[in-house]
C-alpha atoms as a PDB file:
ATOM      1  CA  VAL A   1     138.239   8.732   4.988  1.00  0.00           C
ATOM      2  CA  ASN A   2     136.582   6.123   2.794  1.00  0.00           C
ATOM      3  CA  ILE A   3     133.684   4.437   4.591  1.00  0.00           C
ATOM      4  CA  ARG A   4     131.579   1.601   3.257  1.00  0.00           C
ATOM      5  CA  TRP A   5     128.506  -0.045   4.777  1.00  0.00           C
ATOM      6  CA  ILE A   6     128.637  -3.806   5.330  1.00  0.00           C
ATOM      7  CA  PRO A   7     125.195  -5.194   6.195  1.00  0.00           C
ATOM      8  CA  PRO A   8     124.823  -7.966   8.784  1.00  0.00           C
ATOM      9  CA  GLU A   9     125.640 -11.338   7.275  1.00  0.00           C
ATOM     10  CA  MET A  10     122.798 -13.763   7.980  1.00  0.00           C
ATOM     11  CA  ALA A  11     124.298 -16.833   6.312  1.00  0.00           C
ATOM     12  CA  SER A  12     127.649 -18.539   6.653  1.00  0.00           C
ATOM     13  CA  ASN A  13     130.226 -17.677   4.038  1.00  0.00           C
ATOM     14  CA  SER A  14     130.177 -20.100   1.123  1.00  0.00           C
ATOM     15  CA  ASP A  15     133.939 -19.770   0.765  1.00  0.00           C
ATOM     16  CA  ALA A  16     134.271 -21.996   3.820  1.00  0.00           C
ATOM     17  CA  GLU A  17     134.528 -25.024   1.539  1.00  0.00           C
ATOM     18  CA  THR A  18     138.042 -23.933   0.572  1.00  0.00           C
ATOM     19  CA  CYS A  19     139.229 -23.256   4.123  1.00  0.00           C
ATOM     20  CA  GLN A  20     137.407 -25.190   6.792  1.00  0.00           C
ATOM     21  CA  LEU A  21     137.569 -23.597  10.213  1.00  0.00           C
ATOM     22  CA  ALA A  22     134.632 -25.176  12.007  1.00  0.00           C
ATOM     23  CA  GLU A  23     132.126 -23.664   9.592  1.00  0.00           C
ATOM     24  CA  PRO A  24     128.601 -25.106  10.029  1.00  0.00           C
ATOM     25  CA  THR A  25     128.228 -27.954   7.549  1.00  0.00           C
ATOM     26  CA  ASN A  26     124.755 -26.915   6.429  1.00  0.00           C
ATOM     27  CA  ASN A  27     126.149 -23.545   5.325  1.00  0.00           C
ATOM     28  CA  GLN A  28     123.321 -21.787   7.140  1.00  0.00           C
ATOM     29  CA  SER A  29     123.429 -19.378  10.062  1.00  0.00           C
ATOM     30  CA  ARG A  30     121.984 -20.818  13.260  1.00  0.00           C
ATOM     31  CA  ARG A  31     120.110 -18.534  15.647  1.00  0.00           C
ATOM     32  CA  ILE A  32     121.345 -18.965  19.212  1.00  0.00           C
ATOM     33  CA  GLY A  33     118.288 -18.828  21.413  1.00  0.00           C
ATOM     34  CA  THR A  34     120.157 -19.339  24.693  1.00  0.00           C
ATOM     35  CA  LEU A  35     121.881 -15.936  24.596  1.00  0.00           C
ATOM     36  CA  SER A  36     120.293 -12.601  25.358  1.00  0.00           C
ATOM     37  CA  CYS A  37     121.380  -9.023  25.770  1.00  0.00           C
ATOM     38  CA  LYS A  38     119.639  -5.897  26.934  1.00  0.00           C
ATOM     39  CA  GLN A  39     121.456  -2.599  26.968  1.00  0.00           C
ATOM     40  CA  ASP A  40     120.152   0.953  26.796  1.00  0.00           C
ATOM     41  CA  LYS A  41     116.571  -0.393  26.591  1.00  0.00           C
ATOM     42  CA  ALA A  42     117.467  -2.316  23.434  1.00  0.00           C
ATOM     43  CA  SER A  43     117.693  -6.077  22.956  1.00  0.00           C
ATOM     44  CA  TRP A  44     118.959  -8.263  20.149  1.00  0.00           C
ATOM     45  CA  GLU A  45     119.517 -11.843  19.087  1.00  0.00           C
ATOM     46  CA  TYR A  46     122.672 -13.710  18.092  1.00  0.00           C
ATOM     47  CA  ASP A  47     123.661 -15.935  15.185  1.00  0.00           C
ATOM     48  CA  SER A  48     126.403 -18.532  15.176  1.00  0.00           C
ATOM     49  CA  CYS A  49     129.552 -17.835  13.205  1.00  0.00           C
ATOM     50  CA  SER A  50     132.703 -19.899  12.796  1.00  0.00           C
ATOM     51  CA  GLY A  51     136.272 -18.756  13.211  1.00  0.00           C
ATOM     52  CA  PHE A  52     136.474 -18.710   9.429  1.00  0.00           C
ATOM     53  CA  GLY A  53     133.476 -16.408   9.239  1.00  0.00           C
ATOM     54  CA  ILE A  54     134.958 -13.891  11.668  1.00  0.00           C
ATOM     55  CA  LEU A  55     138.341 -13.860   9.902  1.00  0.00           C
ATOM     56  CA  LYS A  56     136.625 -13.449   6.534  1.00  0.00           C
ATOM     57  CA  LYS A  57     134.469 -10.565   7.712  1.00  0.00           C
ATOM     58  CA  GLU A  58     137.530  -8.865   9.201  1.00  0.00           C
ATOM     59  CA  GLU A  59     139.284  -9.372   5.832  1.00  0.00           C
ATOM     60  CA  HIS A  60     142.218 -11.260   7.363  1.00  0.00           C
ATOM     61  CA  ASP A  61     142.946 -12.865   4.020  1.00  0.00           C
ATOM     62  CA  ALA A  62     146.617 -13.419   4.821  1.00  0.00           C
ATOM     63  CA  ILE A  63     145.720 -15.637   7.787  1.00  0.00           C
ATOM     64  CA  LEU A  64     143.229 -17.646   5.751  1.00  0.00           C
ATOM     65  CA  THR A  65     145.757 -18.057   2.955  1.00  0.00           C
ATOM     66  CA  ASN A  66     148.369 -19.366   5.377  1.00  0.00           C
ATOM     67  CA  VAL A  67     145.913 -21.874   6.835  1.00  0.00           C
ATOM     68  CA  SER A  68     145.033 -23.071   3.357  1.00  0.00           C
ATOM     69  CA  ASP A  69     148.643 -23.292   2.153  1.00  0.00           C
ATOM     70  CA  ILE A  70     150.047 -24.939   5.288  1.00  0.00           C
ATOM     71  CA  TYR A  71     147.246 -27.287   6.283  1.00  0.00           C
ATOM     72  CA  ASP A  72     144.649 -27.750   3.546  1.00  0.00           C
ATOM     73  CA  LYS A  73     147.288 -28.462   0.893  1.00  0.00           C
ATOM     74  CA  ASP A  74     149.307 -30.786   3.135  1.00  0.00           C
ATOM     75  CA  PRO A  75     149.237 -34.267   1.518  1.00  0.00           C
ATOM     76  CA  LEU A  76     148.911 -35.807   4.999  1.00  0.00           C
ATOM     77  CA  ASN A  77     145.650 -33.892   5.432  1.00  0.00           C
ATOM     78  CA  PRO A  78     146.185 -33.194   9.157  1.00  0.00           C
ATOM     79  CA  ARG A  79     142.927 -31.308   9.740  1.00  0.00           C
ATOM     80  CA  ASP A  80     140.624 -33.876   8.191  1.00  0.00           C
ATOM     81  CA  HIS A  81     142.317 -37.098   9.212  1.00  0.00           C
ATOM     82  CA  TYR A  82     140.527 -39.169  11.812  1.00  0.00           C
ATOM     83  CA  GLU A  83     142.467 -42.416  11.629  1.00  0.00           C
ATOM     84  CA  ALA A  84     144.838 -43.482  14.376  1.00  0.00           C
ATOM     85  CA  PRO A  85     148.572 -42.858  13.938  1.00  0.00           C
ATOM     86  CA  PRO A  86     150.552 -45.866  12.612  1.00  0.00           C
ATOM     87  CA  VAL A  87     151.472 -47.217  16.069  1.00  0.00           C
ATOM     88  CA  LYS A  88     150.374 -50.203  18.156  1.00  0.00           C
ATOM     89  CA  ARG A  89     149.696 -48.340  21.398  1.00  0.00           C
ATOM     90  CA  VAL A  90     148.668 -44.830  22.419  1.00  0.00           C
ATOM     91  CA  LYS A  91     148.944 -43.481  25.968  1.00  0.00           C
ATOM     92  CA  ALA A  92     147.145 -40.208  26.665  1.00  0.00           C
ATOM     93  CA  ILE A  93     147.661 -38.243  29.883  1.00  0.00           C
ATOM     94  CA  TYR A  94     145.881 -34.929  30.260  1.00  0.00           C
ATOM     95  CA  GLY A  95     144.259 -32.636  32.787  1.00  0.00           C
ATOM     96  CA  ILE A  96     140.528 -32.129  33.163  1.00  0.00           C
ATOM     97  CA  ASN A  97     137.870 -30.121  34.995  1.00  0.00           C
ATOM     98  CA  LEU A  98     139.339 -26.648  34.588  1.00  0.00           C
ATOM     99  CA  GLU A  99     137.304 -23.854  33.043  1.00  0.00           C
ATOM    100  CA  THR A 100     138.254 -23.861  29.358  1.00  0.00           C
ATOM    101  CA  GLU A 101     137.330 -21.383  26.657  1.00  0.00           C
ATOM    102  CA  VAL A 102     135.210 -22.936  23.914  1.00  0.00           C
ATOM    103  CA  GLY A 103     133.700 -19.882  22.251  1.00  0.00           C
ATOM    104  CA  ALA A 104     133.016 -16.164  22.403  1.00  0.00           C
ATOM    105  CA  VAL A 105     130.192 -13.725  21.778  1.00  0.00           C
ATOM    106  CA  TYR A 106     130.930 -10.754  19.546  1.00  0.00           C
ATOM    107  CA  LYS A 107     129.021  -7.711  18.441  1.00  0.00           C
ATOM    108  CA  ARG A 108     129.645  -5.315  15.605  1.00  0.00           C
ATOM    109  CA  ARG A 109     131.155  -1.935  16.317  1.00  0.00           C
ATOM    110  CA  ARG A 110     129.089   1.092  15.414  1.00  0.00           C
ATOM    111  CA  ALA A 111     132.066   2.540  13.554  1.00  0.00           C
ATOM    112  CA  ILE A 112     135.469   1.166  12.607  1.00  0.00           C
ATOM    113  CA  ALA A 113     137.192   4.269  11.239  1.00  0.00           C
ATOM    114  CA  VAL A 114     139.613   5.772  13.776  1.00  0.00           C
ATOM    115  CA  SER A 115     141.544   8.159  11.568  1.00  0.00           C
ATOM    116  CA  LYS A 116     142.487   8.577   7.941  1.00  0.00           C
ATOM    117  CA  ASN A 117     144.950   5.692   7.981  1.00  0.00           C
ATOM    118  CA  LYS A 118     143.664   3.582  10.847  1.00  0.00           C
ATOM    119  CA  VAL A 119     140.629   1.386  11.346  1.00  0.00           C
ATOM    120  CA  ARG A 120     139.524  -0.823  14.207  1.00  0.00           C
ATOM    121  CA  SER A 121     138.316  -4.392  13.989  1.00  0.00           C
ATOM    122  CA  MET A 122     134.717  -4.740  12.853  1.00  0.00           C
ATOM    123  CA  HIS A 123     133.772  -6.911  15.851  1.00  0.00           C
ATOM    124  CA  LYS A 124     134.459  -6.788  19.569  1.00  0.00           C
ATOM    125  CA  LEU A 125     133.563  -8.963  22.541  1.00  0.00           C
ATOM    126  CA  ASP A 126     130.015  -8.387  23.733  1.00  0.00           C
ATOM    127  CA  LEU A 127     130.535  -7.770  27.443  1.00  0.00           C
ATOM    128  CA  TYR A 128     126.792  -7.588  28.118  1.00  0.00           C
ATOM    129  CA  ALA A 129     125.711 -10.937  26.632  1.00  0.00           C
ATOM    130  CA  LYS A 130     124.086 -13.312  29.100  1.00  0.00           C
ATOM    131  CA  LEU A 131     123.165 -16.975  28.981  1.00  0.00           C
ATOM    132  CA  GLY A 132     119.449 -17.570  28.700  1.00  0.00           C
ATOM    133  CA  PRO A 133     117.312 -20.078  30.635  1.00  0.00           C
ATOM    134  CA  ALA A 134     118.944 -23.416  31.451  1.00  0.00           C
ATOM    135  CA  GLY A 135     118.518 -26.161  28.895  1.00  0.00           C
ATOM    136  CA  GLY A 136     120.384 -24.823  25.890  1.00  0.00           C
ATOM    137  CA  LEU A 137     123.895 -24.415  27.287  1.00  0.00           C
ATOM    138  CA  ASP A 138     123.766 -26.497  30.453  1.00  0.00           C
ATOM    139  CA  GLY A 139     127.017 -26.457  32.411  1.00  0.00           C
ATOM    140  CA  PHE A 140     128.592 -23.554  30.532  1.00  0.00           C
ATOM    141  CA  GLU A 141     129.498 -20.121  31.868  1.00  0.00           C
ATOM    142  CA  LEU A 142     129.614 -16.846  29.975  1.00  0.00           C
ATOM    143  CA  GLU A 143     131.662 -13.983  31.397  1.00  0.00           C
ATOM    144  CA  LYS A 144     132.507 -10.777  29.555  1.00  0.00           C
ATOM    145  CA  GLY A 145     131.783 -12.375  26.203  1.00  0.00           C
ATOM    146  CA  VAL A 146     133.875 -15.526  26.701  1.00  0.00           C
ATOM    147  CA  LEU A 147     132.077 -18.892  26.798  1.00  0.00           C
ATOM    148  CA  MET A 148     133.688 -21.460  29.098  1.00  0.00           C
ATOM    149  CA  GLU A 149     133.030 -25.142  29.629  1.00  0.00           C
ATOM    150  CA  THR A 150     133.154 -26.252  33.277  1.00  0.00           C
ATOM    151  CA  ARG A 151     133.353 -29.485  35.253  1.00  0.00           C
ATOM    152  CA  ASP A 152     129.526 -29.527  35.047  1.00  0.00           C
ATOM    153  CA  THR A 153     129.399 -29.381  31.230  1.00  0.00           C
ATOM    154  CA  PRO A 154     127.833 -32.476  29.605  1.00  0.00           C
ATOM    155  CA  GLN A 155     130.340 -34.058  27.215  1.00  0.00           C
ATOM    156  CA  MET A 156     129.858 -36.752  24.609  1.00  0.00           C
ATOM    157  CA  ILE A 157     132.467 -39.384  25.435  1.00  0.00           C
ATOM    158  CA  ASP A 158     133.507 -40.984  22.161  1.00  0.00           C
ATOM    159  CA  GLY A 159     133.895 -44.706  21.781  1.00  0.00           C
ATOM    160  CA  PRO A 160     135.295 -46.734  18.892  1.00  0.00           C
ATOM    161  CA  THR A 161     131.840 -46.734  17.264  1.00  0.00           C
ATOM    162  CA  LYS A 162     128.811 -44.466  17.381  1.00  0.00           C
ATOM    163  CA  PHE A 163     127.054 -47.111  19.447  1.00  0.00           C
ATOM    164  CA  THR A 164     129.557 -46.921  22.322  1.00  0.00           C
ATOM    165  CA  SER A 165     129.324 -43.225  23.126  1.00  0.00           C
ATOM    166  CA  SER A 166     128.137 -41.934  26.483  1.00  0.00           C
ATOM    167  CA  VAL A 167     127.648 -38.609  28.257  1.00  0.00           C
ATOM    168  CA  MET A 168     129.676 -37.459  31.275  1.00  0.00           C
ATOM    169  CA  ARG A 169     130.303 -34.075  32.860  1.00  0.00           C
ATOM    170  CA  ARG A 170     133.826 -32.847  32.241  1.00  0.00           C
ATOM    171  CA  SER A 171     135.820 -29.860  31.029  1.00  0.00           C
ATOM    172  CA  GLY A 172     139.227 -29.350  29.464  1.00  0.00           C
ATOM    173  CA  ASP A 173     142.651 -28.487  30.851  1.00  0.00           C
ATOM    174  CA  GLY A 174     142.301 -24.708  30.729  1.00  0.00           C
ATOM    175  CA  THR A 175     143.566 -24.535  27.153  1.00  0.00           C
ATOM    176  CA  VAL A 176     142.258 -27.507  25.145  1.00  0.00           C
ATOM    177  CA  PRO A 177     138.516 -28.316  25.278  1.00  0.00           C
ATOM    178  CA  TYR A 178     137.605 -31.733  26.651  1.00  0.00           C
ATOM    179  CA  TYR A 179     136.241 -33.071  23.363  1.00  0.00           C
ATOM    180  CA  SER A 180     139.625 -32.622  21.699  1.00  0.00           C
ATOM    181  CA  LEU A 181     141.530 -34.108  24.630  1.00  0.00           C
ATOM    182  CA  GLN A 182     139.591 -37.373  24.586  1.00  0.00           C
ATOM    183  CA  PHE A 183     139.336 -37.765  20.813  1.00  0.00           C
ATOM    184  CA  CYS A 184     141.913 -40.573  20.856  1.00  0.00           C
ATOM    185  CA  ARG A 185     139.161 -42.832  22.261  1.00  0.00           C
ATOM    186  CA  THR A 186     137.892 -43.166  18.703  1.00  0.00           C
ATOM    187  CA  TRP A 187     141.088 -45.041  17.769  1.00  0.00           C
ATOM    188  CA  GLU A 188     140.366 -47.994  20.054  1.00  0.00           C
ATOM    189  CA  ARG A 189     139.501 -50.294  17.154  1.00  0.00           C
ATOM    190  CA  GLN A 190     142.771 -49.498  15.375  1.00  0.00           C
ATOM    191  CA  CYS A 191     145.269 -49.659  18.251  1.00  0.00           C
ATOM    192  CA  VAL A 192     145.500 -50.092  22.016  1.00  0.00           C
ATOM    193  CA  VAL A 193     144.458 -46.826  23.697  1.00  0.00           C
ATOM    194  CA  SER A 194     144.839 -46.107  27.405  1.00  0.00           C
ATOM    195  CA  ILE A 195     143.919 -42.784  28.996  1.00  0.00           C
ATOM    196  CA  SER A 196     144.727 -41.175  32.337  1.00  0.00           C
ATOM    197  CA  GLU A 197     142.766 -38.057  33.274  1.00  0.00           C
ATOM    198  CA  LEU A 198     144.247 -35.879  36.021  1.00  0.00           C
ATOM    199  CA  ASP A 199     141.700 -33.741  37.817  1.00  0.00           C
ATOM    200  CA  GLY A 200     142.804 -30.099  38.026  1.00  0.00           C
ATOM    201  CA  ALA A 201     146.020 -30.517  36.006  1.00  0.00           C
ATOM    202  CA  GLU A 202     146.569 -27.434  33.831  1.00  0.00           C
ATOM    203  CA  HIS A 203     147.717 -27.630  30.202  1.00  0.00           C
ATOM    204  CA  ARG A 204     151.364 -26.677  30.863  1.00  0.00           C
ATOM    205  CA  ALA A 205     151.620 -27.168  34.610  1.00  0.00           C
ATOM    206  CA  ILE A 206     150.916 -30.875  34.119  1.00  0.00           C
ATOM    207  CA  LEU A 207     154.573 -31.282  33.151  1.00  0.00           C
ATOM    208  CA  ALA A 208     155.499 -30.542  36.781  1.00  0.00           C
ATOM    209  CA  ASP A 209     152.669 -32.631  38.234  1.00  0.00           C
ATOM    210  CA  LYS A 210     153.860 -35.611  40.318  1.00  0.00           C
ATOM    211  CA  ARG A 211     150.873 -37.638  39.146  1.00  0.00           C
ATOM    212  CA  PHE A 212     151.929 -37.178  35.537  1.00  0.00           C
ATOM    213  CA  HIS A 213     155.498 -38.321  36.207  1.00  0.00           C
ATOM    214  CA  LYS A 214     154.304 -41.340  38.167  1.00  0.00           C
ATOM    215  CA  ILE A 215     151.964 -42.499  35.410  1.00  0.00           C
ATOM    216  CA  LEU A 216     154.553 -41.888  32.712  1.00  0.00           C
ATOM    217  CA  THR A 217     157.324 -43.711  34.591  1.00  0.00           C
ATOM    218  CA  GLU A 218     155.133 -46.711  35.298  1.00  0.00           C
ATOM    219  CA  TYR A 219     154.009 -46.872  31.686  1.00  0.00           C
ATOM    220  CA  VAL A 220     157.440 -46.724  30.037  1.00  0.00           C
ATOM    221  CA  THR A 221     158.939 -49.242  32.488  1.00  0.00           C
ATOM    222  CA  MET A 222     156.046 -51.678  32.209  1.00  0.00           C
ATOM    223  CA  GLU A 223     157.041 -55.183  31.166  1.00  0.00           C
ATOM    224  CA  GLY A 224     155.368 -57.018  28.310  1.00  0.00           C
ATOM    225  CA  ASP A 225     153.098 -55.580  25.658  1.00  0.00           C
ATOM    226  CA  GLY A 226     150.927 -53.708  28.195  1.00  0.00           C
END
């Protein structure tokens, strides 16, 4: 069995510029002071790492190549395009206030070799990580290594300009985080945007929600320019 030592990486991978997956823009690792862990009389600290960083460390080059070929080379630039679609009106209907995964806490395995021809992933969920004192991650919950936003999570509500933003407590639809759901608010200077938020409506179950059908029916049968 060939074994090689990979020391802890204390800075974000510089290759992120060629495949952006939420890598910190300052290209520096950020110490997360709101997490703590004590196990077997030992304690340690955590550093932030993007999805790109994890995939790179696990050597999932095929996944990164596909992301680059399919998205980064797309002439429409879908992952770095913040303008509104070429339409006059946008109607958004989505669920809110369900616990929604927004991150995870991982730790390195002590060993990754299983047998001569089999290795395990280098990282695994840290089941013992705990949120620290309130103030750093207010409104979030961490359970068995998975970080969830909740209906008590402070959210920056985007407006058409940076001067029209506000903070409210919301969470996503159980699949999509709230920030992504309400991003269409930023298009309000380019087209007419109207939003309906349905409390407790789940990402897929919303399609069978009577509230959704009522709003949709009223919208598509509305007279005039609405």
